[in-house]
All heavy atoms as atom14 arrays in JSON, in Angstrom:
{
  "sequence": "ETSERQMMVYFPEHRLLYGSDPFQRRQDGSFFYPQTVTELMDAVV",
  "atom14_mask": [
    [1, 1, 1, 1, 1, 1, 1, 1, 1, 0, 0, 0, 0, 0],
    [1, 1, 1, 1, 1, 1, 1, 0, 0, 0, 0, 0, 0, 0],
    [1, 1, 1, 1, 1, 1, 0, 0, 0, 0, 0, 0, 0, 0],
    [1, 1, 1, 1, 1, 1, 1, 1, 1, 0, 0, 0, 0, 0],
    [1, 1, 1, 1, 1, 1, 1, 1, 1, 1, 1, 0, 0, 0],
    [1, 1, 1, 1, 1, 1, 1, 1, 1, 0, 0, 0, 0, 0],
    [1, 1, 1, 1, 1, 1, 1, 1, 0, 0, 0, 0, 0, 0],
    [1, 1, 1, 1, 1, 1, 1, 1, 0, 0, 0, 0, 0, 0],
    [1, 1, 1, 1, 1, 1, 1, 0, 0, 0, 0, 0, 0, 0],
    [1, 1, 1, 1, 1, 1, 1, 1, 1, 1, 1, 1, 0, 0],
    [1, 1, 1, 1, 1, 1, 1, 1, 1, 1, 1, 0, 0, 0],
    [1, 1, 1, 1, 1, 1, 1, 0, 0, 0, 0, 0, 0, 0],
    [1, 1, 1, 1, 1, 1, 1, 1, 1, 0, 0, 0, 0, 0],
    [1, 1, 1, 1, 1, 1, 1, 1, 1, 1, 0, 0, 0, 0],
    [1, 1, 1, 1, 1, 1, 1, 1, 1, 1, 1, 0, 0, 0],
    [1, 1, 1, 1, 1, 1, 1, 1, 0, 0, 0, 0, 0, 0],
    [1, 1, 1, 1, 1, 1, 1, 1, 0, 0, 0, 0, 0, 0],
    [1, 1, 1, 1, 1, 1, 1, 1, 1, 1, 1, 1, 0, 0],
    [1, 1, 1, 1, 0, 0, 0, 0, 0, 0, 0, 0, 0, 0],
    [1, 1, 1, 1, 1, 1, 0, 0, 0, 0, 0, 0, 0, 0],
    [1, 1, 1, 1, 1, 1, 1, 1, 0, 0, 0, 0, 0, 0],
    [1, 1, 1, 1, 1, 1, 1, 0, 0, 0, 0, 0, 0, 0],
    [1, 1, 1, 1, 1, 1, 1, 1, 1, 1, 1, 0, 0, 0],
    [1, 1, 1, 1, 1, 1, 1, 1, 1, 0, 0, 0, 0, 0],
    [1, 1, 1, 1, 1, 1, 1, 1, 1, 1, 1, 0, 0, 0],
    [1, 1, 1, 1, 1, 1, 1, 1, 1, 1, 1, 0, 0, 0],
    [1, 1, 1, 1, 1, 1, 1, 1, 1, 0, 0, 0, 0, 0],
    [1, 1, 1, 1, 1, 1, 1, 1, 0, 0, 0, 0, 0, 0],
    [1, 1, 1, 1, 0, 0, 0, 0, 0, 0, 0, 0, 0, 0],
    [1, 1, 1, 1, 1, 1, 0, 0, 0, 0, 0, 0, 0, 0],
    [1, 1, 1, 1, 1, 1, 1, 1, 1, 1, 1, 0, 0, 0],
    [1, 1, 1, 1, 1, 1, 1, 1, 1, 1, 1, 0, 0, 0],
    [1, 1, 1, 1, 1, 1, 1, 1, 1, 1, 1, 1, 0, 0],
    [1, 1, 1, 1, 1, 1, 1, 0, 0, 0, 0, 0, 0, 0],
    [1, 1, 1, 1, 1, 1, 1, 1, 1, 0, 0, 0, 0, 0],
    [1, 1, 1, 1, 1, 1, 1, 0, 0, 0, 0, 0, 0, 0],
    [1, 1, 1, 1, 1, 1, 1, 0, 0, 0, 0, 0, 0, 0],
    [1, 1, 1, 1, 1, 1, 1, 0, 0, 0, 0, 0, 0, 0],
    [1, 1, 1, 1, 1, 1, 1, 1, 1, 0, 0, 0, 0, 0],
    [1, 1, 1, 1, 1, 1, 1, 1, 0, 0, 0, 0, 0, 0],
    [1, 1, 1, 1, 1, 1, 1, 1, 0, 0, 0, 0, 0, 0],
    [1, 1, 1, 1, 1, 1, 1, 1, 0, 0, 0, 0, 0, 0],
    [1, 1, 1, 1, 1, 0, 0, 0, 0, 0, 0, 0, 0, 0],
    [1, 1, 1, 1, 1, 1, 1, 0, 0, 0, 0, 0, 0, 0],
    [1, 1, 1, 1, 1, 1, 1, 0, 0, 0, 0, 0, 0, 0]
  ],
  "atom14_positions": [
    [[14.62, 22.78, 0.89], [14.25, 23.44, 2.19], [12.97, 22.81, 2.74], [12.98, 22.45, 3.95], [14.05, 24.95, 1.85], [13.78, 25.73, 3.16], [14.95, 25.66, 4.2], [16.01, 25.72, 3.71], [14.58, 25.51, 5.3], [0.0, 0.0, 0.0], [0.0, 0.0, 0.0], [0.0, 0.0, 0.0], [0.0, 0.0, 0.0], [0.0, 0.0, 0.0]],
    [[12.0, 22.58, 1.95], [10.83, 21.93, 2.44], [10.83, 20.46, 2.34], [10.28, 19.67, 3.14], [9.51, 22.5, 1.78], [9.5, 23.9, 1.88], [8.22, 21.83, 2.21], [0.0, 0.0, 0.0], [0.0, 0.0, 0.0], [0.0, 0.0, 0.0], [0.0, 0.0, 0.0], [0.0, 0.0, 0.0], [0.0, 0.0, 0.0], [0.0, 0.0, 0.0]],
    [[11.62, 19.89, 1.32], [11.7, 18.46, 1.05], [13.0, 17.97, 1.69], [13.63, 17.05, 1.15], [11.69, 18.24, -0.45], [12.65, 19.05, -1.09], [0.0, 0.0, 0.0], [0.0, 0.0, 0.0], [0.0, 0.0, 0.0], [0.0, 0.0, 0.0], [0.0, 0.0, 0.0], [0.0, 0.0, 0.0], [0.0, 0.0, 0.0], [0.0, 0.0, 0.0]],
    [[13.39, 18.5, 2.76], [14.61, 18.15, 3.48], [14.73, 16.65, 3.75], [15.81, 16.05, 3.76], [14.8, 19.01, 4.72], [15.94, 18.64, 5.54], [15.87, 19.59, 6.9], [15.22, 19.13, 7.84], [16.49, 20.66, 6.88], [0.0, 0.0, 0.0], [0.0, 0.0, 0.0], [0.0, 0.0, 0.0], [0.0, 0.0, 0.0], [0.0, 0.0, 0.0]],
    [[13.64, 16.09, 4.15], [13.55, 14.68, 4.68], [13.05, 13.68, 3.62], [12.47, 12.64, 3.91], [12.77, 14.59, 5.9], [13.14, 15.54, 6.97], [14.45, 15.26, 7.56], [14.95, 16.29, 8.53], [14.97, 16.15, 9.79], [14.63, 14.95, 10.38], [15.4, 17.15, 10.57], [0.0, 0.0, 0.0], [0.0, 0.0, 0.0], [0.0, 0.0, 0.0]],
    [[13.26, 14.04, 2.34], [12.87, 13.19, 1.24], [14.02, 12.77, 0.29], [14.99, 13.46, 0.23], [11.74, 13.85, 0.46], [10.47, 14.21, 1.27], [9.28, 14.69, 0.49], [9.03, 14.15, -0.64], [8.65, 15.71, 1.01], [0.0, 0.0, 0.0], [0.0, 0.0, 0.0], [0.0, 0.0, 0.0], [0.0, 0.0, 0.0], [0.0, 0.0, 0.0]],
    [[13.74, 11.63, -0.37], [14.7, 11.17, -1.34], [14.06, 10.93, -2.68], [12.86, 10.62, -2.75], [15.37, 9.78, -0.91], [15.87, 9.79, 0.48], [16.79, 8.26, 0.82], [15.6, 6.88, 0.49], [0.0, 0.0, 0.0], [0.0, 0.0, 0.0], [0.0, 0.0, 0.0], [0.0, 0.0, 0.0], [0.0, 0.0, 0.0], [0.0, 0.0, 0.0]],
    [[14.82, 10.98, -3.7], [14.33, 10.65, -5.05], [15.02, 9.37, -5.54], [16.06, 9.15, -5.14], [14.51, 11.84, -6.08], [15.95, 12.28, -6.21], [16.03, 13.81, -7.28], [17.77, 14.11, -7.25], [0.0, 0.0, 0.0], [0.0, 0.0, 0.0], [0.0, 0.0, 0.0], [0.0, 0.0, 0.0], [0.0, 0.0, 0.0], [0.0, 0.0, 0.0]],
    [[14.3, 8.59, -6.37], [14.78, 7.28, -6.81], [14.86, 7.48, -8.38], [13.83, 7.59, -8.99], [13.82, 6.14, -6.39], [14.42, 4.9, -6.9], [13.85, 6.13, -4.85], [0.0, 0.0, 0.0], [0.0, 0.0, 0.0], [0.0, 0.0, 0.0], [0.0, 0.0, 0.0], [0.0, 0.0, 0.0], [0.0, 0.0, 0.0], [0.0, 0.0, 0.0]],
    [[16.05, 7.17, -8.95], [16.26, 7.39, -10.31], [16.6, 6.09, -10.99], [17.35, 5.27, -10.44], [17.43, 8.4, -10.52], [17.76, 8.78, -12.01], [16.74, 9.2, -12.87], [18.99, 8.65, -12.47], [17.04, 9.52, -14.12], [19.37, 8.99, -13.72], [18.41, 9.41, -14.64], [18.72, 9.74, -15.95], [0.0, 0.0, 0.0], [0.0, 0.0, 0.0]],
    [[15.97, 5.91, -12.2], [16.24, 4.7, -13.02], [16.99, 5.25, -14.29], [16.34, 5.66, -15.28], [14.93, 4.06, -13.39], [14.16, 3.55, -12.14], [13.21, 4.5, -11.62], [14.24, 2.3, -11.69], [12.44, 4.08, -10.54], [13.6, 1.89, -10.6], [12.62, 2.78, -10.02], [0.0, 0.0, 0.0], [0.0, 0.0, 0.0], [0.0, 0.0, 0.0]],
    [[18.3, 5.26, -14.29], [19.03, 5.89, -15.39], [18.78, 5.24, -16.79], [18.88, 5.99, -17.78], [20.52, 5.66, -14.9], [20.55, 4.67, -13.95], [19.14, 4.68, -13.3], [0.0, 0.0, 0.0], [0.0, 0.0, 0.0], [0.0, 0.0, 0.0], [0.0, 0.0, 0.0], [0.0, 0.0, 0.0], [0.0, 0.0, 0.0], [0.0, 0.0, 0.0]],
    [[18.65, 3.94, -16.79], [18.38, 3.33, -18.1], [17.08, 3.72, -18.74], [16.95, 3.56, -19.96], [18.48, 1.84, -18.0], [19.78, 1.28, -17.47], [20.91, 1.62, -18.35], [20.69, 1.58, -19.6], [21.99, 1.95, -17.98], [0.0, 0.0, 0.0], [0.0, 0.0, 0.0], [0.0, 0.0, 0.0], [0.0, 0.0, 0.0], [0.0, 0.0, 0.0]],
    [[16.14, 4.19, -17.98], [14.8, 4.54, -18.5], [14.54, 6.09, -18.35], [13.41, 6.41, -18.82], [13.78, 3.73, -17.67], [13.98, 2.25, -17.62], [13.95, 1.4, -18.72], [14.3, 1.47, -16.57], [14.2, 0.24, -18.33], [14.39, 0.23, -17.04], [0.0, 0.0, 0.0], [0.0, 0.0, 0.0], [0.0, 0.0, 0.0], [0.0, 0.0, 0.0]],
    [[15.47, 6.82, -17.82], [15.3, 8.23, -17.63], [14.05, 8.57, -17.01], [13.23, 9.38, -17.24], [15.31, 8.96, -18.97], [16.62, 8.88, -19.68], [16.66, 9.59, -21.0], [18.09, 9.63, -21.54], [18.53, 10.22, -22.63], [17.57, 10.94, -23.26], [19.64, 10.2, -23.15], [0.0, 0.0, 0.0], [0.0, 0.0, 0.0], [0.0, 0.0, 0.0]],
    [[13.81, 7.69, -15.87], [12.58, 7.72, -15.08], [12.87, 8.12, -13.64], [13.85, 7.6, -13.1], [11.92, 6.35, -15.07], [10.66, 6.12, -14.34], [9.56, 6.88, -14.84], [10.31, 4.61, -14.38], [0.0, 0.0, 0.0], [0.0, 0.0, 0.0], [0.0, 0.0, 0.0], [0.0, 0.0, 0.0], [0.0, 0.0, 0.0], [0.0, 0.0, 0.0]],
    [[12.1, 9.02, -13.0], [12.36, 9.46, -11.7], [11.14, 9.27, -10.75], [9.97, 9.57, -11.11], [12.74, 10.85, -11.67], [13.13, 11.48, -10.31], [14.57, 11.17, -9.92], [12.87, 13.05, -10.35], [0.0, 0.0, 0.0], [0.0, 0.0, 0.0], [0.0, 0.0, 0.0], [0.0, 0.0, 0.0], [0.0, 0.0, 0.0], [0.0, 0.0, 0.0]],
    [[11.39, 8.63, -9.63], [10.4, 8.59, -8.63], [10.7, 9.81, -7.66], [11.81, 9.85, -7.04], [10.37, 7.38, -7.82], [9.3, 7.28, -6.61], [8.03, 7.12, -6.97], [9.8, 7.38, -5.41], [7.05, 7.08, -5.9], [8.83, 7.36, -4.37], [7.54, 7.17, -4.63], [6.58, 7.24, -3.56], [0.0, 0.0, 0.0], [0.0, 0.0, 0.0]],
    [[9.76, 10.76, -7.55], [10.09, 11.99, -6.8], [9.63, 12.1, -5.41], [9.56, 13.21, -4.86], [0.0, 0.0, 0.0], [0.0, 0.0, 0.0], [0.0, 0.0, 0.0], [0.0, 0.0, 0.0], [0.0, 0.0, 0.0], [0.0, 0.0, 0.0], [0.0, 0.0, 0.0], [0.0, 0.0, 0.0], [0.0, 0.0, 0.0], [0.0, 0.0, 0.0]],
    [[9.28, 10.95, -4.72], [8.81, 10.93, -3.4], [7.43, 11.61, -3.38], [6.5, 11.29, -3.96], [9.76, 11.62, -2.43], [9.37, 11.37, -1.08], [0.0, 0.0, 0.0], [0.0, 0.0, 0.0], [0.0, 0.0, 0.0], [0.0, 0.0, 0.0], [0.0, 0.0, 0.0], [0.0, 0.0, 0.0], [0.0, 0.0, 0.0], [0.0, 0.0, 0.0]],
    [[7.28, 12.81, -2.59], [6.0, 13.39, -2.37], [6.18, 14.89, -1.94], [5.39, 15.28, -1.04], [5.36, 12.57, -1.22], [3.83, 12.79, -1.21], [3.25, 13.22, -2.18], [3.24, 12.51, -0.13], [0.0, 0.0, 0.0], [0.0, 0.0, 0.0], [0.0, 0.0, 0.0], [0.0, 0.0, 0.0], [0.0, 0.0, 0.0], [0.0, 0.0, 0.0]],
    [[6.98, 15.61, -2.52], [7.09, 17.0, -2.09], [5.92, 17.99, -2.54], [5.77, 19.0, -2.01], [8.46, 17.49, -2.71], [8.56, 16.66, -3.97], [8.04, 15.25, -3.58], [0.0, 0.0, 0.0], [0.0, 0.0, 0.0], [0.0, 0.0, 0.0], [0.0, 0.0, 0.0], [0.0, 0.0, 0.0], [0.0, 0.0, 0.0], [0.0, 0.0, 0.0]],
    [[5.24, 17.56, -3.58], [4.0, 18.35, -4.05], [2.99, 17.47, -4.58], [3.13, 16.29, -4.74], [4.57, 19.4, -5.15], [5.28, 18.74, -6.22], [4.57, 18.19, -7.37], [6.67, 18.7, -6.21], [5.29, 17.66, -8.39], [7.35, 18.1, -7.33], [6.65, 17.6, -8.42], [0.0, 0.0, 0.0], [0.0, 0.0, 0.0], [0.0, 0.0, 0.0]],
    [[1.82, 18.21, -4.83], [0.61, 17.44, -5.28], [0.17, 17.93, -6.58], [0.52, 19.19, -6.99], [-0.57, 17.57, -4.33], [-0.09, 17.24, -2.89], [0.22, 15.76, -2.75], [-0.5, 14.85, -3.01], [1.33, 15.43, -2.19], [0.0, 0.0, 0.0], [0.0, 0.0, 0.0], [0.0, 0.0, 0.0], [0.0, 0.0, 0.0], [0.0, 0.0, 0.0]],
    [[-0.7, 17.29, -7.31], [-1.26, 17.71, -8.61], [-2.68, 17.98, -8.24], [-3.47, 17.22, -7.79], [-1.06, 16.69, -9.7], [-1.81, 17.2, -10.98], [-1.35, 16.36, -12.27], [-1.24, 15.02, -12.06], [-0.58, 14.21, -12.86], [0.22, 14.65, -13.79], [-0.69, 12.93, -12.61], [0.0, 0.0, 0.0], [0.0, 0.0, 0.0], [0.0, 0.0, 0.0]],
    [[-3.19, 19.27, -8.58], [-4.52, 19.62, -8.41], [-5.38, 19.05, -9.54], [-4.9, 18.51, -10.49], [-4.63, 21.19, -8.44], [-4.0, 21.85, -7.29], [-4.34, 23.36, -7.52], [-3.92, 24.13, -6.32], [-3.15, 25.21, -6.26], [-2.61, 25.59, -7.48], [-2.92, 25.95, -5.21], [0.0, 0.0, 0.0], [0.0, 0.0, 0.0], [0.0, 0.0, 0.0]],
    [[-6.66, 19.17, -9.26], [-7.65, 18.64, -10.33], [-7.54, 19.26, -11.64], [-7.73, 18.67, -12.75], [-9.09, 18.69, -9.82], [-9.42, 17.87, -8.6], [-10.83, 17.9, -8.14], [-11.55, 18.8, -8.55], [-11.24, 17.01, -7.35], [0.0, 0.0, 0.0], [0.0, 0.0, 0.0], [0.0, 0.0, 0.0], [0.0, 0.0, 0.0], [0.0, 0.0, 0.0]],
    [[-7.07, 20.57, -11.71], [-6.99, 21.26, -12.97], [-5.58, 20.9, -13.63], [-5.22, 21.41, -14.73], [-7.04, 22.74, -12.77], [-5.98, 23.38, -11.92], [-5.09, 22.6, -11.54], [-6.04, 24.62, -11.66], [0.0, 0.0, 0.0], [0.0, 0.0, 0.0], [0.0, 0.0, 0.0], [0.0, 0.0, 0.0], [0.0, 0.0, 0.0], [0.0, 0.0, 0.0]],
    [[-4.8, 20.04, -13.13], [-3.52, 19.62, -13.64], [-2.4, 20.41, -13.21], [-1.19, 20.03, -13.52], [0.0, 0.0, 0.0], [0.0, 0.0, 0.0], [0.0, 0.0, 0.0], [0.0, 0.0, 0.0], [0.0, 0.0, 0.0], [0.0, 0.0, 0.0], [0.0, 0.0, 0.0], [0.0, 0.0, 0.0], [0.0, 0.0, 0.0], [0.0, 0.0, 0.0]],
    [[-2.53, 21.52, -12.46], [-1.4, 22.28, -11.94], [-0.88, 21.52, -10.73], [-1.4, 20.74, -10.11], [-1.84, 23.75, -11.59], [-2.83, 23.65, -10.55], [0.0, 0.0, 0.0], [0.0, 0.0, 0.0], [0.0, 0.0, 0.0], [0.0, 0.0, 0.0], [0.0, 0.0, 0.0], [0.0, 0.0, 0.0], [0.0, 0.0, 0.0], [0.0, 0.0, 0.0]],
    [[0.37, 22.05, -10.4], [1.07, 21.39, -9.29], [1.16, 22.36, -8.1], [1.38, 23.59, -8.28], [2.49, 20.99, -9.7], [2.44, 19.97, -10.76], [2.72, 20.34, -12.02], [2.29, 18.73, -10.45], [2.76, 19.36, -13.13], [2.25, 17.69, -11.52], [2.53, 18.08, -12.82], [0.0, 0.0, 0.0], [0.0, 0.0, 0.0], [0.0, 0.0, 0.0]],
    [[0.99, 21.81, -6.88], [1.05, 22.66, -5.6], [1.95, 21.89, -4.58], [1.84, 20.72, -4.38], [-0.36, 22.75, -5.06], [-0.41, 23.66, -3.88], [-0.35, 25.0, -4.08], [-0.35, 23.13, -2.6], [-0.43, 25.95, -3.06], [-0.36, 23.94, -1.56], [-0.39, 25.35, -1.74], [0.0, 0.0, 0.0], [0.0, 0.0, 0.0], [0.0, 0.0, 0.0]],
    [[2.96, 22.59, -4.09], [3.06, 24.13, -4.38], [4.31, 24.35, -5.02], [5.34, 23.47, -5.03], [2.81, 24.88, -3.15], [3.77, 24.65, -1.96], [4.74, 25.7, -1.64], [3.66, 23.55, -1.18], [5.53, 25.6, -0.56], [4.59, 23.48, -0.1], [5.5, 24.4, 0.23], [6.26, 24.33, 1.25], [0.0, 0.0, 0.0], [0.0, 0.0, 0.0]],
    [[4.53, 25.49, -5.78], [5.68, 25.69, -6.63], [6.95, 25.58, -6.07], [7.99, 25.1, -6.65], [5.44, 27.13, -7.23], [3.94, 27.23, -7.16], [3.56, 26.5, -5.79], [0.0, 0.0, 0.0], [0.0, 0.0, 0.0], [0.0, 0.0, 0.0], [0.0, 0.0, 0.0], [0.0, 0.0, 0.0], [0.0, 0.0, 0.0], [0.0, 0.0, 0.0]],
    [[7.15, 26.05, -4.74], [8.43, 25.98, -4.03], [8.96, 24.56, -4.07], [10.23, 24.4, -4.41], [8.24, 26.42, -2.58], [9.43, 26.13, -1.67], [10.59, 26.93, -1.95], [10.54, 28.12, -2.59], [11.82, 26.39, -1.75], [0.0, 0.0, 0.0], [0.0, 0.0, 0.0], [0.0, 0.0, 0.0], [0.0, 0.0, 0.0], [0.0, 0.0, 0.0]],
    [[8.25, 23.57, -3.74], [8.71, 22.22, -3.74], [9.03, 21.62, -5.1], [9.74, 20.74, -5.27], [7.83, 21.29, -2.83], [6.43, 21.6, -3.23], [7.95, 21.64, -1.44], [0.0, 0.0, 0.0], [0.0, 0.0, 0.0], [0.0, 0.0, 0.0], [0.0, 0.0, 0.0], [0.0, 0.0, 0.0], [0.0, 0.0, 0.0], [0.0, 0.0, 0.0]],
    [[8.18, 22.16, -6.17], [8.5, 21.72, -7.45], [9.92, 22.15, -7.84], [10.69, 21.38, -8.5], [7.46, 22.4, -8.41], [7.85, 22.03, -9.9], [6.0, 21.79, -8.17], [0.0, 0.0, 0.0], [0.0, 0.0, 0.0], [0.0, 0.0, 0.0], [0.0, 0.0, 0.0], [0.0, 0.0, 0.0], [0.0, 0.0, 0.0], [0.0, 0.0, 0.0]],
    [[10.18, 23.45, -7.51], [11.58, 23.82, -7.83], [12.67, 23.05, -7.07], [13.75, 22.77, -7.58], [11.81, 25.33, -7.51], [11.61, 25.57, -6.12], [10.69, 26.13, -8.22], [0.0, 0.0, 0.0], [0.0, 0.0, 0.0], [0.0, 0.0, 0.0], [0.0, 0.0, 0.0], [0.0, 0.0, 0.0], [0.0, 0.0, 0.0], [0.0, 0.0, 0.0]],
    [[12.27, 22.61, -5.86], [13.28, 21.81, -5.08], [13.65, 20.53, -5.71], [14.76, 20.09, -5.76], [12.84, 21.68, -3.64], [12.78, 22.87, -2.83], [12.16, 22.85, -1.44], [11.95, 21.63, -1.02], [11.92, 23.86, -0.73], [0.0, 0.0, 0.0], [0.0, 0.0, 0.0], [0.0, 0.0, 0.0], [0.0, 0.0, 0.0], [0.0, 0.0, 0.0]],
    [[12.56, 19.89, -6.24], [12.86, 18.57, -6.92], [13.67, 18.85, -8.2], [14.61, 18.03, -8.57], [11.54, 17.85, -7.28], [11.61, 16.53, -7.89], [12.38, 15.51, -7.08], [10.26, 15.98, -8.25], [0.0, 0.0, 0.0], [0.0, 0.0, 0.0], [0.0, 0.0, 0.0], [0.0, 0.0, 0.0], [0.0, 0.0, 0.0], [0.0, 0.0, 0.0]],
    [[13.25, 19.92, -8.98], [13.93, 20.27, -10.23], [15.44, 20.55, -9.93], [16.32, 20.03, -10.69], [13.24, 21.4, -10.98], [11.77, 20.99, -11.43], [10.96, 22.37, -12.26], [12.0, 22.61, -13.63], [0.0, 0.0, 0.0], [0.0, 0.0, 0.0], [0.0, 0.0, 0.0], [0.0, 0.0, 0.0], [0.0, 0.0, 0.0], [0.0, 0.0, 0.0]],
    [[15.57, 21.32, -8.91], [17.01, 21.65, -8.54], [17.86, 20.45, -8.22], [19.05, 20.47, -8.56], [17.05, 22.71, -7.47], [16.44, 24.04, -7.8], [16.25, 24.31, -9.03], [16.13, 24.9, -6.9], [0.0, 0.0, 0.0], [0.0, 0.0, 0.0], [0.0, 0.0, 0.0], [0.0, 0.0, 0.0], [0.0, 0.0, 0.0], [0.0, 0.0, 0.0]],
    [[17.31, 19.57, -7.54], [17.97, 18.25, -7.15], [18.38, 17.47, -8.34], [19.43, 16.86, -8.44], [17.12, 17.45, -6.19], [0.0, 0.0, 0.0], [0.0, 0.0, 0.0], [0.0, 0.0, 0.0], [0.0, 0.0, 0.0], [0.0, 0.0, 0.0], [0.0, 0.0, 0.0], [0.0, 0.0, 0.0], [0.0, 0.0, 0.0], [0.0, 0.0, 0.0]],
    [[17.54, 17.5, -9.34], [17.88, 16.78, -10.68], [18.94, 17.45, -11.32], [19.8, 16.72, -11.8], [16.48, 16.67, -11.48], [16.85, 16.21, -12.88], [15.52, 15.72, -10.84], [0.0, 0.0, 0.0], [0.0, 0.0, 0.0], [0.0, 0.0, 0.0], [0.0, 0.0, 0.0], [0.0, 0.0, 0.0], [0.0, 0.0, 0.0], [0.0, 0.0, 0.0]],
    [[18.92, 18.68, -11.38], [20.04, 19.48, -12.04], [21.3, 19.27, -11.21], [22.37, 19.05, -11.81], [19.6, 20.99, -12.06], [20.89, 21.74, -12.58], [18.53, 21.17, -12.94], [0.0, 0.0, 0.0], [0.0, 0.0, 0.0], [0.0, 0.0, 0.0], [0.0, 0.0, 0.0], [0.0, 0.0, 0.0], [0.0, 0.0, 0.0], [0.0, 0.0, 0.0]]
  ]
}
């Protein structure tokens, strides 16, 4: 919904994903914001 105009790039041999830029990592290590974290996870599933 928020990451409508983004693509992810997957390297199947390495199980490595480039997730574009739907969310950021804060200084405390948490991710912002959760909505777009779920959108990337849902796309992977």
